Amino acid sequence: MSGPRLPYADRREAGRVLANELSHLQGHQDLLVLALPRGGVAVGYEIAHALRAELDVFIVRKLGHPGHEEYAMGAIAGGGVQVMNESADFGVSEGEVKRVVARERAELARREKLYRGGRPPVAIEERTVILVDDGLATGATMRAAVAAVRKQHPHRLIVAVPVGAAETCHQLKREADEVVCAATPYPFRAVGQWFRDFPQSTDDEVKRLLEQARAGFAQPAH
């Protein structure tokens, strides 16, 4: 069976392709889509819409290398979860790592407040949870998300992305109950290369999509 035609037009098209890969889950009463903001929310919106599932964000922050922010030393998530890339030689002091962690914890708290507007996170325990992002490169962010969600005792935990590095997708199979990578092109390099339109997602877009999902997907997700 051939995979999707790459590059995707945008995150919305990628979300619809991924929703088709997950169509066997449609009708599950306890289904919850947790999207990693910002880029994963547009993808997650399309999945939740197609599967008639509840949508929420699960906020994780990458720990970028000082001076090379695109290089992930690890990631943090709610509940005090911190995951480091064990094989990486960071070349930075413990103090520098602590400063990065403190900065990202502050940003994590800011986004929690902004995106939810005071609403508590949705219940995860005993639910089938689909963790969604717009792609997987090193997987540090998703690994932190999986570890944090596991602490809340879901019935089943599925990682779903429209595109990912094959090795990263394979490694995550040890940590999630199921991993759905719609495409694993090689060489991979970066997530953005597999989308024709890949703008930086904004806080306003995240808030709007969450509001539309809570309203029952009554409005088009422009």
N, C-alpha and C. Protein backbone atom coordinates (compact mmCIF):
# COMPACT_ATOMS: atom_id res chain seq x y z
N MET A 1 0.84 -1.20 0.00
CA MET A 1 0.00 0.00 0.00
C MET A 1 0.87 1.24 0.00
N SER A 2 0.67 2.14 -0.95
CA SER A 2 1.48 3.34 -1.04
C SER A 2 1.02 4.37 -0.02
N GLY A 3 1.96 5.21 0.41
CA GLY A 3 1.65 6.25 1.38
C GLY A 3 1.09 7.48 0.72
N PRO A 4 0.89 8.54 1.50
CA PRO A 4 0.34 9.78 0.95
C PRO A 4 1.32 10.44 -0.01
N ARG A 5 0.79 11.23 -0.92
CA ARG A 5 1.63 11.96 -1.85
C ARG A 5 2.21 13.18 -1.13
N LEU A 6 3.52 13.28 -1.10
CA LEU A 6 4.19 14.39 -0.44
C LEU A 6 4.75 15.36 -1.47
N PRO A 7 4.86 16.65 -1.11
CA PRO A 7 4.53 17.22 0.20
C PRO A 7 3.03 17.43 0.38
N TYR A 8 2.61 17.50 1.64
CA TYR A 8 1.23 17.89 1.94
C TYR A 8 1.02 19.35 1.56
N ALA A 9 -0.22 19.71 1.22
CA ALA A 9 -0.51 21.11 0.92
C ALA A 9 -0.28 21.96 2.17
N ASP A 10 -0.80 21.50 3.30
CA ASP A 10 -0.68 22.25 4.55
C ASP A 10 -1.03 21.30 5.71
N ARG A 11 -1.07 21.83 6.91
CA ARG A 11 -1.35 20.99 8.08
C ARG A 11 -2.77 20.43 8.04
N ARG A 12 -3.72 21.18 7.48
CA ARG A 12 -5.10 20.70 7.43
C ARG A 12 -5.22 19.47 6.54
N GLU A 13 -4.58 19.51 5.37
CA GLU A 13 -4.61 18.33 4.50
C GLU A 13 -3.94 17.15 5.19
N ALA A 14 -2.83 17.40 5.87
CA ALA A 14 -2.13 16.35 6.59
C ALA A 14 -3.04 15.74 7.66
N GLY A 15 -3.81 16.59 8.33
CA GLY A 15 -4.73 16.10 9.34
C GLY A 15 -5.82 15.21 8.76
N ARG A 16 -6.32 15.56 7.58
CA ARG A 16 -7.36 14.75 6.95
C ARG A 16 -6.80 13.39 6.51
N VAL A 17 -5.57 13.38 6.00
CA VAL A 17 -4.93 12.12 5.63
C VAL A 17 -4.74 11.25 6.87
N LEU A 18 -4.29 11.86 7.94
CA LEU A 18 -4.06 11.11 9.18
C LEU A 18 -5.37 10.60 9.78
N ALA A 19 -6.42 11.41 9.67
CA ALA A 19 -7.74 10.97 10.16
C ALA A 19 -8.19 9.71 9.44
N ASN A 20 -7.90 9.62 8.15
CA ASN A 20 -8.26 8.42 7.40
C ASN A 20 -7.49 7.20 7.91
N GLU A 21 -6.23 7.41 8.30
CA GLU A 21 -5.42 6.33 8.86
C GLU A 21 -5.97 5.85 10.21
N LEU A 22 -6.71 6.74 10.88
CA LEU A 22 -7.24 6.44 12.21
C LEU A 22 -8.74 6.15 12.19
N SER A 23 -9.29 5.95 11.03
CA SER A 23 -10.75 5.84 10.89
C SER A 23 -11.33 4.66 11.66
N HIS A 24 -10.50 3.66 11.97
CA HIS A 24 -11.00 2.50 12.74
C HIS A 24 -11.40 2.88 14.16
N LEU A 25 -11.00 4.08 14.59
CA LEU A 25 -11.33 4.54 15.95
C LEU A 25 -12.64 5.32 16.01
N GLN A 26 -13.21 5.63 14.86
CA GLN A 26 -14.44 6.42 14.85
C GLN A 26 -15.55 5.68 15.60
N GLY A 27 -16.24 6.43 16.44
CA GLY A 27 -17.33 5.85 17.20
C GLY A 27 -16.97 5.48 18.63
N HIS A 28 -15.66 5.51 18.95
CA HIS A 28 -15.26 5.25 20.33
C HIS A 28 -15.79 6.37 21.23
N GLN A 29 -16.54 6.03 22.22
CA GLN A 29 -17.17 7.03 23.07
C GLN A 29 -16.17 7.78 23.95
N ASP A 30 -15.04 7.14 24.26
CA ASP A 30 -14.08 7.74 25.18
C ASP A 30 -12.89 8.36 24.46
N LEU A 31 -13.02 8.62 23.16
CA LEU A 31 -11.89 9.07 22.35
C LEU A 31 -11.53 10.53 22.64
N LEU A 32 -10.24 10.78 22.81
CA LEU A 32 -9.74 12.12 23.09
C LEU A 32 -8.52 12.39 22.22
N VAL A 33 -8.55 13.50 21.48
CA VAL A 33 -7.41 13.94 20.69
C VAL A 33 -6.68 15.03 21.46
N LEU A 34 -5.43 14.79 21.77
CA LEU A 34 -4.59 15.78 22.43
C LEU A 34 -3.54 16.24 21.45
N ALA A 35 -3.62 17.52 21.06
CA ALA A 35 -2.71 18.08 20.06
C ALA A 35 -1.59 18.85 20.74
N LEU A 36 -0.38 18.71 20.21
CA LEU A 36 0.76 19.45 20.73
C LEU A 36 0.84 20.80 20.03
N PRO A 37 0.64 21.90 20.79
CA PRO A 37 0.71 23.21 20.16
C PRO A 37 2.17 23.64 19.94
N ARG A 38 2.37 24.49 18.93
CA ARG A 38 1.24 25.06 18.21
C ARG A 38 0.90 24.24 16.96
N GLY A 39 1.93 23.72 16.28
CA GLY A 39 1.74 23.12 14.96
C GLY A 39 0.81 21.92 14.91
N GLY A 40 0.71 21.19 16.01
CA GLY A 40 -0.12 20.00 16.00
C GLY A 40 -1.61 20.26 16.10
N VAL A 41 -2.01 21.50 16.43
CA VAL A 41 -3.42 21.76 16.69
C VAL A 41 -4.25 21.72 15.41
N ALA A 42 -3.75 22.29 14.32
CA ALA A 42 -4.50 22.25 13.06
C ALA A 42 -4.65 20.81 12.59
N VAL A 43 -3.62 19.99 12.78
CA VAL A 43 -3.69 18.58 12.42
C VAL A 43 -4.71 17.86 13.31
N GLY A 44 -4.60 18.10 14.62
CA GLY A 44 -5.51 17.47 15.57
C GLY A 44 -6.96 17.87 15.37
N TYR A 45 -7.18 19.12 14.96
CA TYR A 45 -8.55 19.59 14.71
C TYR A 45 -9.23 18.74 13.65
N GLU A 46 -8.51 18.49 12.55
CA GLU A 46 -9.09 17.70 11.46
C GLU A 46 -9.38 16.27 11.90
N ILE A 47 -8.49 15.71 12.72
CA ILE A 47 -8.71 14.34 13.21
C ILE A 47 -9.92 14.28 14.13
N ALA A 48 -9.98 15.22 15.09
CA ALA A 48 -11.11 15.24 16.02
C ALA A 48 -12.43 15.45 15.29
N HIS A 49 -12.40 16.32 14.29
CA HIS A 49 -13.61 16.59 13.51
C HIS A 49 -14.07 15.32 12.79
N ALA A 50 -13.13 14.63 12.13
CA ALA A 50 -13.49 13.44 11.35
C ALA A 50 -13.94 12.29 12.24
N LEU A 51 -13.31 12.16 13.41
CA LEU A 51 -13.62 11.02 14.29
C LEU A 51 -14.69 11.35 15.33
N ARG A 52 -15.20 12.59 15.29
CA ARG A 52 -16.19 13.06 16.27
C ARG A 52 -15.67 12.87 17.70
N ALA A 53 -14.45 13.30 17.89
CA ALA A 53 -13.78 13.14 19.18
C ALA A 53 -13.61 14.49 19.86
N GLU A 54 -13.39 14.45 21.15
CA GLU A 54 -13.07 15.66 21.91
C GLU A 54 -11.64 16.08 21.59
N LEU A 55 -11.42 17.40 21.52
CA LEU A 55 -10.09 17.95 21.23
C LEU A 55 -9.62 18.83 22.36
N ASP A 56 -8.37 18.65 22.76
CA ASP A 56 -7.73 19.56 23.71
C ASP A 56 -6.26 19.64 23.35
N VAL A 57 -5.56 20.57 23.98
CA VAL A 57 -4.11 20.68 23.77
C VAL A 57 -3.38 19.95 24.89
N PHE A 58 -2.21 19.46 24.57
CA PHE A 58 -1.30 18.94 25.58
C PHE A 58 0.02 19.67 25.38
N ILE A 59 0.35 20.50 26.34
CA ILE A 59 1.44 21.44 26.13
C ILE A 59 2.77 20.85 26.58
N VAL A 60 3.70 20.83 25.65
CA VAL A 60 5.05 20.33 25.86
C VAL A 60 6.00 21.37 25.29
N ARG A 61 7.14 21.56 25.94
CA ARG A 61 8.11 22.54 25.46
C ARG A 61 9.45 21.87 25.19
N LYS A 62 9.98 22.13 24.00
CA LYS A 62 11.31 21.65 23.64
C LYS A 62 12.36 22.42 24.43
N LEU A 63 13.41 21.73 24.86
CA LEU A 63 14.55 22.38 25.51
C LEU A 63 15.62 22.60 24.45
N GLY A 64 15.61 23.79 23.87
CA GLY A 64 16.54 24.09 22.79
C GLY A 64 17.95 24.35 23.29
N HIS A 65 18.93 23.93 22.52
CA HIS A 65 20.33 24.15 22.85
C HIS A 65 20.62 25.65 22.83
N PRO A 66 21.27 26.21 23.87
CA PRO A 66 21.59 27.65 23.87
C PRO A 66 22.40 28.03 22.64
N GLY A 67 21.88 28.97 21.87
CA GLY A 67 22.55 29.39 20.64
C GLY A 67 22.15 28.59 19.42
N HIS A 68 21.52 27.45 19.62
CA HIS A 68 21.05 26.60 18.51
C HIS A 68 19.68 26.05 18.91
N GLU A 69 18.70 26.92 18.95
CA GLU A 69 17.39 26.58 19.53
C GLU A 69 16.68 25.45 18.79
N GLU A 70 16.99 25.25 17.52
CA GLU A 70 16.32 24.20 16.75
C GLU A 70 16.82 22.81 17.17
N TYR A 71 17.94 22.74 17.86
CA TYR A 71 18.52 21.47 18.29
C TYR A 71 17.97 21.13 19.67
N ALA A 72 17.22 20.05 19.78
CA ALA A 72 16.55 19.71 21.03
C ALA A 72 17.46 18.93 21.96
N MET A 73 17.71 19.49 23.15
CA MET A 73 18.40 18.75 24.20
C MET A 73 17.44 17.78 24.88
N GLY A 74 16.15 18.11 24.83
CA GLY A 74 15.11 17.33 25.47
C GLY A 74 13.81 18.10 25.44
N ALA A 75 12.92 17.78 26.37
CA ALA A 75 11.62 18.46 26.41
C ALA A 75 11.02 18.31 27.80
N ILE A 76 10.07 19.20 28.11
CA ILE A 76 9.35 19.13 29.37
C ILE A 76 7.85 19.13 29.09
N ALA A 77 7.09 18.59 30.03
CA ALA A 77 5.63 18.59 29.95
C ALA A 77 5.08 18.83 31.34
N GLY A 78 3.76 18.99 31.42
CA GLY A 78 3.12 19.20 32.71
C GLY A 78 3.33 18.03 33.64
N GLY A 79 3.17 18.30 34.93
CA GLY A 79 3.35 17.25 35.92
C GLY A 79 4.80 17.00 36.27
N GLY A 80 5.69 17.93 35.89
CA GLY A 80 7.10 17.80 36.23
C GLY A 80 7.88 16.84 35.36
N VAL A 81 7.31 16.42 34.23
CA VAL A 81 8.00 15.47 33.35
C VAL A 81 9.11 16.19 32.57
N GLN A 82 10.29 15.59 32.57
CA GLN A 82 11.42 16.10 31.79
C GLN A 82 12.11 14.93 31.12
N VAL A 83 12.29 15.02 29.79
CA VAL A 83 12.93 13.97 29.00
C VAL A 83 14.13 14.58 28.30
N MET A 84 15.29 13.97 28.45
CA MET A 84 16.50 14.45 27.79
C MET A 84 16.93 13.46 26.71
N ASN A 85 17.51 13.98 25.63
CA ASN A 85 18.04 13.12 24.58
C ASN A 85 19.35 12.51 25.09
N GLU A 86 19.31 11.27 25.48
CA GLU A 86 20.43 10.63 26.19
C GLU A 86 21.69 10.54 25.35
N SER A 87 21.54 10.37 24.04
CA SER A 87 22.71 10.14 23.20
C SER A 87 23.41 11.43 22.76
N ALA A 88 22.80 12.58 23.08
CA ALA A 88 23.35 13.85 22.59
C ALA A 88 24.46 14.37 23.49
N ASP A 89 25.47 14.99 22.89
CA ASP A 89 26.53 15.67 23.63
C ASP A 89 26.23 17.16 23.55
N PHE A 90 25.64 17.70 24.63
CA PHE A 90 25.13 19.06 24.58
C PHE A 90 26.23 20.11 24.64
N GLY A 91 27.32 19.82 25.35
CA GLY A 91 28.39 20.80 25.46
C GLY A 91 27.99 22.05 26.22
N VAL A 92 27.04 21.94 27.13
CA VAL A 92 26.59 23.07 27.94
C VAL A 92 26.62 22.67 29.41
N SER A 93 26.74 23.67 30.28
CA SER A 93 26.84 23.40 31.70
C SER A 93 25.48 23.04 32.30
N GLU A 94 25.51 22.45 33.48
CA GLU A 94 24.28 22.13 34.19
C GLU A 94 23.48 23.39 34.47
N GLY A 95 24.18 24.48 34.78
CA GLY A 95 23.50 25.75 35.04
C GLY A 95 22.76 26.26 33.83
N GLU A 96 23.38 26.12 32.64
CA GLU A 96 22.72 26.56 31.41
C GLU A 96 21.48 25.73 31.13
N VAL A 97 21.57 24.43 31.35
CA VAL A 97 20.40 23.57 31.17
C VAL A 97 19.28 23.99 32.10
N LYS A 98 19.61 24.26 33.36
CA LYS A 98 18.60 24.69 34.33
C LYS A 98 17.93 25.98 33.92
N ARG A 99 18.70 26.91 33.34
CA ARG A 99 18.11 28.18 32.89
C ARG A 99 17.14 27.95 31.74
N VAL A 100 17.52 27.06 30.81
CA VAL A 100 16.62 26.73 29.70
C VAL A 100 15.33 26.09 30.23
N VAL A 101 15.46 25.16 31.17
CA VAL A 101 14.30 24.49 31.75
C VAL A 101 13.38 25.49 32.43
N ALA A 102 13.96 26.42 33.21
CA ALA A 102 13.15 27.42 33.92
C ALA A 102 12.40 28.31 32.93
N ARG A 103 13.07 28.72 31.86
CA ARG A 103 12.42 29.57 30.85
C ARG A 103 11.26 28.84 30.18
N GLU A 104 11.48 27.57 29.84
CA GLU A 104 10.45 26.83 29.14
C GLU A 104 9.29 26.45 30.07
N ARG A 105 9.55 26.25 31.35
CA ARG A 105 8.45 26.00 32.29
C ARG A 105 7.56 27.23 32.41
N ALA A 106 8.16 28.41 32.37
CA ALA A 106 7.38 29.64 32.41
C ALA A 106 6.51 29.77 31.16
N GLU A 107 7.06 29.43 30.01
CA GLU A 107 6.29 29.49 28.76
C GLU A 107 5.19 28.43 28.75
N LEU A 108 5.47 27.26 29.29
CA LEU A 108 4.46 26.21 29.38
C LEU A 108 3.28 26.70 30.21
N ALA A 109 3.56 27.32 31.35
CA ALA A 109 2.49 27.83 32.22
C ALA A 109 1.70 28.93 31.51
N ARG A 110 2.40 29.80 30.76
CA ARG A 110 1.72 30.88 30.03
C ARG A 110 0.73 30.32 29.01
N ARG A 111 1.16 29.31 28.28
CA ARG A 111 0.30 28.73 27.25
C ARG A 111 -0.89 27.98 27.86
N GLU A 112 -0.64 27.28 28.97
CA GLU A 112 -1.75 26.61 29.66
C GLU A 112 -2.86 27.61 29.97
N LYS A 113 -2.49 28.75 30.50
CA LYS A 113 -3.46 29.77 30.88
C LYS A 113 -4.12 30.39 29.64
N LEU A 114 -3.32 30.68 28.63
CA LEU A 114 -3.83 31.35 27.43
C LEU A 114 -4.79 30.47 26.65
N TYR A 115 -4.42 29.22 26.40
CA TYR A 115 -5.21 28.37 25.53
C TYR A 115 -6.50 27.89 26.18
N ARG A 116 -6.46 27.70 27.48
CA ARG A 116 -7.64 27.14 28.16
C ARG A 116 -8.52 28.21 28.77
N GLY A 117 -8.01 29.41 28.95
CA GLY A 117 -8.84 30.48 29.51
C GLY A 117 -9.41 30.14 30.88
N GLY A 118 -8.63 29.45 31.70
CA GLY A 118 -9.10 29.12 33.03
C GLY A 118 -9.77 27.77 33.15
N ARG A 119 -10.06 27.11 32.01
CA ARG A 119 -10.68 25.78 32.06
C ARG A 119 -9.63 24.75 32.44
N PRO A 120 -9.99 23.77 33.24
CA PRO A 120 -9.03 22.73 33.60
C PRO A 120 -8.78 21.81 32.42
N PRO A 121 -7.66 21.09 32.42
CA PRO A 121 -7.42 20.09 31.38
C PRO A 121 -8.52 19.02 31.41
N VAL A 122 -8.79 18.42 30.27
CA VAL A 122 -9.81 17.38 30.22
C VAL A 122 -9.29 16.12 30.89
N ALA A 123 -10.21 15.27 31.31
CA ALA A 123 -9.84 14.02 31.98
C ALA A 123 -9.23 13.04 30.97
N ILE A 124 -8.17 12.37 31.37
CA ILE A 124 -7.47 11.42 30.52
C ILE A 124 -7.65 9.98 30.99
N GLU A 125 -7.83 9.77 32.27
CA GLU A 125 -7.86 8.43 32.85
C GLU A 125 -8.89 7.53 32.16
N GLU A 126 -8.44 6.35 31.78
CA GLU A 126 -9.26 5.30 31.17
C GLU A 126 -9.84 5.68 29.80
N ARG A 127 -9.27 6.70 29.15
CA ARG A 127 -9.73 7.08 27.81
C ARG A 127 -8.72 6.62 26.76
N THR A 128 -9.21 6.49 25.53
CA THR A 128 -8.33 6.25 24.40
C THR A 128 -7.82 7.60 23.92
N VAL A 129 -6.52 7.82 24.04
CA VAL A 129 -5.93 9.13 23.76
C VAL A 129 -5.08 9.06 22.50
N ILE A 130 -5.32 10.02 21.59
CA ILE A 130 -4.48 10.16 20.39
C ILE A 130 -3.64 11.42 20.57
N LEU A 131 -2.34 11.25 20.72
CA LEU A 131 -1.41 12.38 20.82
C LEU A 131 -0.96 12.75 19.41
N VAL A 132 -1.16 14.02 19.04
CA VAL A 132 -0.96 14.44 17.65
C VAL A 132 0.04 15.60 17.57
N ASP A 133 0.96 15.52 16.60
CA ASP A 133 1.80 16.65 16.24
C ASP A 133 1.86 16.72 14.72
N ASP A 134 2.48 17.79 14.19
CA ASP A 134 2.54 17.92 12.72
C ASP A 134 3.70 17.13 12.12
N GLY A 135 4.53 16.52 12.95
CA GLY A 135 5.62 15.69 12.46
C GLY A 135 6.56 15.31 13.57
N LEU A 136 7.42 14.33 13.29
CA LEU A 136 8.40 13.85 14.27
C LEU A 136 9.79 13.89 13.65
N ALA A 137 10.68 14.65 14.28
CA ALA A 137 12.08 14.63 13.87
C ALA A 137 12.88 13.84 14.91
N THR A 138 13.36 14.50 15.97
CA THR A 138 14.08 13.77 17.02
C THR A 138 13.12 13.02 17.94
N GLY A 139 11.88 13.51 18.07
CA GLY A 139 10.89 12.86 18.93
C GLY A 139 10.95 13.26 20.39
N ALA A 140 11.85 14.18 20.78
CA ALA A 140 11.99 14.55 22.19
C ALA A 140 10.70 15.11 22.76
N THR A 141 10.05 15.99 22.00
CA THR A 141 8.82 16.60 22.48
C THR A 141 7.73 15.56 22.67
N MET A 142 7.57 14.67 21.69
CA MET A 142 6.54 13.65 21.79
C MET A 142 6.84 12.66 22.91
N ARG A 143 8.10 12.33 23.11
CA ARG A 143 8.45 11.41 24.20
C ARG A 143 8.07 12.00 25.55
N ALA A 144 8.27 13.30 25.73
CA ALA A 144 7.86 13.95 26.98
C ALA A 144 6.36 13.91 27.13
N ALA A 145 5.64 14.14 26.02
CA ALA A 145 4.18 14.09 26.06
C ALA A 145 3.68 12.69 26.44
N VAL A 146 4.27 11.67 25.84
CA VAL A 146 3.87 10.29 26.14
C VAL A 146 4.10 9.99 27.62
N ALA A 147 5.27 10.38 28.14
CA ALA A 147 5.58 10.11 29.55
C ALA A 147 4.59 10.81 30.47
N ALA A 148 4.22 12.06 30.14
CA ALA A 148 3.30 12.82 30.97
C ALA A 148 1.89 12.25 30.91
N VAL A 149 1.44 11.86 29.73
CA VAL A 149 0.10 11.29 29.59
C VAL A 149 0.02 9.94 30.30
N ARG A 150 1.06 9.15 30.20
CA ARG A 150 1.09 7.84 30.87
C ARG A 150 0.82 7.97 32.37
N LYS A 151 1.30 9.05 32.97
CA LYS A 151 1.13 9.25 34.42
C LYS A 151 -0.34 9.45 34.78
N GLN A 152 -1.19 9.75 33.76
CA GLN A 152 -2.61 9.98 34.01
C GLN A 152 -3.47 8.76 33.63
N HIS A 153 -2.82 7.64 33.37
CA HIS A 153 -3.48 6.33 33.22
C HIS A 153 -4.56 6.28 32.13
N PRO A 154 -4.19 6.58 30.87
CA PRO A 154 -5.15 6.37 29.78
C PRO A 154 -5.39 4.88 29.57
N HIS A 155 -6.54 4.56 28.98
CA HIS A 155 -6.82 3.16 28.62
C HIS A 155 -5.90 2.72 27.49
N ARG A 156 -5.70 3.60 26.52
CA ARG A 156 -4.85 3.31 25.37
C ARG A 156 -4.23 4.62 24.89
N LEU A 157 -2.98 4.57 24.50
CA LEU A 157 -2.25 5.78 24.09
C LEU A 157 -1.67 5.58 22.69
N ILE A 158 -2.15 6.41 21.77
CA ILE A 158 -1.76 6.33 20.36
C ILE A 158 -1.03 7.61 19.97
N VAL A 159 0.12 7.49 19.36
CA VAL A 159 0.84 8.62 18.80
C VAL A 159 0.55 8.67 17.30
N ALA A 160 0.15 9.85 16.80
CA ALA A 160 -0.20 9.97 15.39
C ALA A 160 0.41 11.23 14.78
N VAL A 161 1.12 11.06 13.69
CA VAL A 161 1.72 12.18 12.97
C VAL A 161 1.60 11.94 11.47
N PRO A 162 1.49 13.02 10.68
CA PRO A 162 1.40 12.84 9.23
C PRO A 162 2.72 12.48 8.58
N VAL A 163 3.85 12.83 9.24
CA VAL A 163 5.16 12.54 8.66
C VAL A 163 6.17 12.46 9.80
N GLY A 164 7.15 11.57 9.62
CA GLY A 164 8.15 11.44 10.68
C GLY A 164 9.37 10.69 10.19
N ALA A 165 10.46 10.88 10.93
CA ALA A 165 11.67 10.10 10.66
C ALA A 165 11.40 8.65 11.06
N ALA A 166 11.74 7.72 10.19
CA ALA A 166 11.39 6.31 10.41
C ALA A 166 11.95 5.79 11.73
N GLU A 167 13.20 6.14 12.06
CA GLU A 167 13.82 5.65 13.29
C GLU A 167 13.09 6.19 14.51
N THR A 168 12.68 7.45 14.47
CA THR A 168 11.97 8.05 15.60
C THR A 168 10.62 7.38 15.79
N CYS A 169 9.89 7.16 14.71
CA CYS A 169 8.60 6.48 14.80
C CYS A 169 8.77 5.08 15.38
N HIS A 170 9.83 4.39 14.96
CA HIS A 170 10.09 3.04 15.46
C HIS A 170 10.39 3.06 16.96
N GLN A 171 11.20 4.03 17.40
CA GLN A 171 11.56 4.12 18.82
C GLN A 171 10.34 4.39 19.69
N LEU A 172 9.42 5.20 19.19
CA LEU A 172 8.24 5.54 19.98
C LEU A 172 7.30 4.35 20.18
N LYS A 173 7.43 3.34 19.35
CA LYS A 173 6.58 2.15 19.50
C LYS A 173 6.86 1.43 20.81
N ARG A 174 8.02 1.69 21.41
CA ARG A 174 8.35 1.10 22.71
C ARG A 174 7.62 1.81 23.85
N GLU A 175 7.14 3.04 23.58
CA GLU A 175 6.59 3.86 24.64
C GLU A 175 5.08 4.08 24.52
N ALA A 176 4.55 4.02 23.31
CA ALA A 176 3.11 4.18 23.08
C ALA A 176 2.50 2.82 22.75
N ASP A 177 1.19 2.71 22.90
CA ASP A 177 0.51 1.46 22.54
C ASP A 177 0.44 1.26 21.03
N GLU A 178 0.40 2.37 20.31
CA GLU A 178 0.34 2.33 18.84
C GLU A 178 0.95 3.61 18.32
N VAL A 179 1.67 3.52 17.22
CA VAL A 179 2.24 4.70 16.56
C VAL A 179 1.80 4.68 15.10
N VAL A 180 1.17 5.78 14.68
CA VAL A 180 0.72 5.92 13.30
C VAL A 180 1.50 7.06 12.65
N CYS A 181 2.46 6.71 11.81
CA CYS A 181 3.19 7.70 11.00
C CYS A 181 2.72 7.50 9.56
N ALA A 182 1.95 8.45 9.04
CA ALA A 182 1.37 8.28 7.71
C ALA A 182 2.44 8.19 6.62
N ALA A 183 3.59 8.85 6.84
CA ALA A 183 4.68 8.81 5.86
C ALA A 183 6.01 8.90 6.60
N THR A 184 6.98 8.11 6.14
CA THR A 184 8.33 8.14 6.73
C THR A 184 9.36 8.28 5.61
N PRO A 185 9.40 9.43 4.97
CA PRO A 185 10.32 9.63 3.84
C PRO A 185 11.79 9.62 4.29
N TYR A 186 12.67 9.27 3.36
CA TYR A 186 14.11 9.25 3.65
C TYR A 186 14.87 9.86 2.48
N PRO A 187 15.87 10.70 2.76
CA PRO A 187 16.28 11.23 4.06
C PRO A 187 15.27 12.23 4.59
N PHE A 188 15.18 12.34 5.91
CA PHE A 188 14.10 13.12 6.50
C PHE A 188 14.45 14.59 6.66
N ARG A 189 15.51 14.91 7.35
CA ARG A 189 16.01 16.27 7.61
C ARG A 189 15.10 17.08 8.51
N ALA A 190 13.94 17.57 8.02
CA ALA A 190 13.10 18.45 8.83
C ALA A 190 11.63 18.26 8.48
N VAL A 191 10.74 18.51 9.45
CA VAL A 191 9.30 18.35 9.24
C VAL A 191 8.80 19.27 8.14
N GLY A 192 9.23 20.53 8.17
CA GLY A 192 8.70 21.54 7.25
C GLY A 192 8.92 21.25 5.78
N GLN A 193 9.93 20.43 5.44
CA GLN A 193 10.20 20.17 4.04
C GLN A 193 9.11 19.33 3.37
N TRP A 194 8.23 18.71 4.21
CA TRP A 194 7.20 17.83 3.66
C TRP A 194 5.84 18.51 3.58
N PHE A 195 5.84 19.86 3.66
CA PHE A 195 4.63 20.66 3.51
C PHE A 195 4.91 21.80 2.53
N ARG A 196 3.99 22.04 1.60
CA ARG A 196 4.15 23.18 0.70
C ARG A 196 3.92 24.49 1.45
N ASP A 197 2.92 24.50 2.33
CA ASP A 197 2.59 25.69 3.12
C ASP A 197 2.78 25.33 4.58
N PHE A 198 3.81 25.90 5.22
CA PHE A 198 4.15 25.51 6.59
C PHE A 198 4.49 26.76 7.42
N PRO A 199 3.50 27.66 7.57
CA PRO A 199 3.78 28.87 8.34
C PRO A 199 3.89 28.57 9.83
N GLN A 200 4.50 29.49 10.55
CA GLN A 200 4.54 29.38 12.01
C GLN A 200 3.12 29.51 12.54
N SER A 201 2.65 28.53 13.30
CA SER A 201 1.32 28.62 13.90
C SER A 201 1.33 29.67 15.01
N THR A 202 0.18 30.29 15.24
CA THR A 202 0.09 31.38 16.22
C THR A 202 -0.81 30.99 17.40
N ASP A 203 -0.66 31.72 18.49
CA ASP A 203 -1.54 31.52 19.64
C ASP A 203 -3.00 31.76 19.25
N ASP A 204 -3.25 32.77 18.43
CA ASP A 204 -4.63 33.08 18.03
C ASP A 204 -5.25 31.92 17.25
N GLU A 205 -4.47 31.30 16.38
CA GLU A 205 -4.98 30.15 15.61
C GLU A 205 -5.33 29.00 16.55
N VAL A 206 -4.45 28.73 17.51
CA VAL A 206 -4.71 27.65 18.47
C VAL A 206 -6.00 27.91 19.24
N LYS A 207 -6.16 29.13 19.75
CA LYS A 207 -7.36 29.46 20.52
C LYS A 207 -8.61 29.34 19.67
N ARG A 208 -8.54 29.80 18.42
CA ARG A 208 -9.71 29.76 17.53
C ARG A 208 -10.13 28.32 17.23
N LEU A 209 -9.17 27.47 16.94
CA LEU A 209 -9.50 26.08 16.62
C LEU A 209 -10.07 25.36 17.84
N LEU A 210 -9.53 25.62 19.01
CA LEU A 210 -10.07 25.00 20.22
C LEU A 210 -11.50 25.47 20.49
N GLU A 211 -11.75 26.76 20.28
CA GLU A 211 -13.10 27.29 20.48
C GLU A 211 -14.08 26.67 19.49
N GLN A 212 -13.66 26.51 18.23
CA GLN A 212 -14.54 25.91 17.23
C GLN A 212 -14.82 24.44 17.56
N ALA A 213 -13.82 23.75 18.06
CA ALA A 213 -14.03 22.35 18.44
C ALA A 213 -15.01 22.26 19.61
N ARG A 214 -14.87 23.14 20.58
CA ARG A 214 -15.79 23.12 21.73
C ARG A 214 -17.21 23.47 21.31
N ALA A 215 -17.32 24.25 20.23
CA ALA A 215 -18.64 24.63 19.72
C ALA A 215 -19.23 23.54 18.83
N GLY A 216 -18.55 22.44 18.71
CA GLY A 216 -19.08 21.33 17.91
C GLY A 216 -18.68 21.40 16.45
N PHE A 217 -17.53 22.05 16.16
CA PHE A 217 -17.02 22.14 14.79
C PHE A 217 -18.06 22.79 13.88
N ALA A 218 -18.80 23.77 14.44
CA ALA A 218 -19.86 24.40 13.66
C ALA A 218 -19.33 25.36 12.62
N GLN A 219 -18.09 25.84 12.79
CA GLN A 219 -17.54 26.82 11.87
C GLN A 219 -16.41 26.18 11.07
N PRO A 220 -16.17 26.70 9.85
CA PRO A 220 -15.06 26.17 9.07
C PRO A 220 -13.73 26.57 9.72
N ALA A 221 -12.74 25.67 9.65
CA ALA A 221 -11.42 25.94 10.22
C ALA A 221 -10.53 26.60 9.17
N HIS A 222 -10.71 27.90 8.99
CA HIS A 222 -9.95 28.59 7.95
C HIS A 222 -8.48 28.62 8.31
